Amino acid sequence: MLNRDGFQSVTQNTCQLILERYTRLHDVARCQMLWLVREMVRNMVPQVDTLCWNLMRHAASGDVSPKNLYLIENLLDIYQENRFV
């Protein structure tokens, strides 16, 4: 399938979803969202840095809850996997 808009609509809708509803997502949906962002970073999709910034806004400092630690660990894994790109 040919993508003609460079994932622009996908990144905009995902960005809106992260900003408005990330805290209300179920654990499975959060896992899938992080997988999607990981694949978008791996494939160098334009505007994926905005998604990463918005996900980092949900990482609370000093919060050691399992959900927060899962988010932080996954973001660090994504950044470490792709730091030379």
Protein backbone atom coordinates (compact mmCIF):
# COMPACT_ATOMS: atom_id res chain seq x y z
CA MET A 1 0.00 0.00 0.00
CA LEU A 2 1.31 3.38 -0.98
CA ASN A 3 1.29 6.13 1.58
CA ARG A 4 0.93 9.48 -0.17
CA ASP A 5 0.96 11.88 2.74
CA GLY A 6 4.08 10.65 4.56
CA PHE A 7 2.11 9.48 7.60
CA GLN A 8 1.10 13.06 8.35
CA SER A 9 -2.48 12.15 9.20
CA VAL A 10 -1.33 9.21 11.33
CA THR A 11 1.10 11.32 13.32
CA GLN A 12 -1.44 14.12 13.82
CA ASN A 13 -4.16 11.77 15.05
CA THR A 14 -1.74 9.83 17.25
CA CYS A 15 -0.39 13.07 18.70
CA GLN A 16 -3.90 14.23 19.54
CA LEU A 17 -4.69 10.85 21.09
CA ILE A 18 -1.56 10.97 23.25
CA LEU A 19 -2.19 14.52 24.42
CA GLU A 20 -5.86 14.12 25.23
CA ARG A 21 -6.44 10.50 26.20
CA TYR A 22 -3.18 8.76 27.09
CA THR A 23 -3.93 8.69 30.81
CA ARG A 24 -7.29 7.01 30.17
CA LEU A 25 -5.96 4.25 27.90
CA HIS A 26 -5.89 0.64 29.07
CA ASP A 27 -2.52 -1.02 29.60
CA VAL A 28 -2.78 -3.01 26.36
CA ALA A 29 -3.52 0.15 24.37
CA ARG A 30 -0.56 1.94 25.98
CA CYS A 31 1.69 -0.95 25.03
CA GLN A 32 0.44 -0.82 21.46
CA MET A 33 0.92 2.95 21.34
CA LEU A 34 4.53 2.59 22.42
CA TRP A 35 5.05 -0.15 19.84
CA LEU A 36 3.63 2.13 17.14
CA VAL A 37 5.91 4.99 18.16
CA ARG A 38 8.90 2.62 18.25
CA GLU A 39 8.19 1.46 14.69
CA MET A 40 7.65 5.02 13.50
CA VAL A 41 11.00 6.09 14.99
CA ARG A 42 12.70 3.04 13.48
CA ASN A 43 11.31 3.95 10.03
CA MET A 44 12.15 7.64 10.43
CA VAL A 45 8.60 8.90 9.91
CA PRO A 46 8.46 12.71 9.72
CA GLN A 47 7.09 14.50 12.82
CA VAL A 48 7.64 11.46 15.07
CA ASP A 49 9.71 13.66 17.36
CA THR A 50 6.50 15.46 18.33
CA LEU A 51 5.01 12.13 19.40
CA CYS A 52 8.06 11.40 21.52
CA TRP A 53 7.88 14.82 23.17
CA ASN A 54 4.21 14.35 23.98
CA LEU A 55 4.87 10.92 25.47
CA MET A 56 7.66 12.37 27.60
CA ARG A 57 5.18 14.90 29.00
CA HIS A 58 3.31 11.99 30.57
CA ALA A 59 6.44 10.68 32.34
CA ALA A 60 6.12 12.07 35.86
CA SER A 61 9.27 12.65 37.87
CA GLY A 62 9.33 11.04 41.28
CA ASP A 63 6.44 8.71 40.41
CA VAL A 64 7.49 5.08 40.87
CA SER A 65 4.20 3.52 39.84
CA PRO A 66 4.48 0.55 37.44
CA LYS A 67 2.70 2.42 34.62
CA ASN A 68 5.06 5.38 34.83
CA LEU A 69 8.15 3.18 35.04
CA TYR A 70 6.93 1.16 32.04
CA LEU A 71 6.55 4.35 29.99
CA ILE A 72 9.96 5.67 30.98
CA GLU A 73 11.74 2.37 30.34
CA ASN A 74 10.16 2.00 26.92
CA LEU A 75 11.00 5.55 25.93
CA LEU A 76 14.60 5.03 27.01
CA ASP A 77 14.75 1.78 25.02
CA ILE A 78 13.43 3.55 21.92
CA TYR A 79 15.99 6.34 22.29
CA GLN A 80 18.88 3.96 22.90
CA GLU A 81 17.98 1.77 19.92
CA ASN A 82 17.91 4.76 17.60
CA ARG A 83 20.49 7.14 18.99
CA PHE A 84 22.80 6.95 15.96
CA VAL A 85 20.10 7.53 13.37
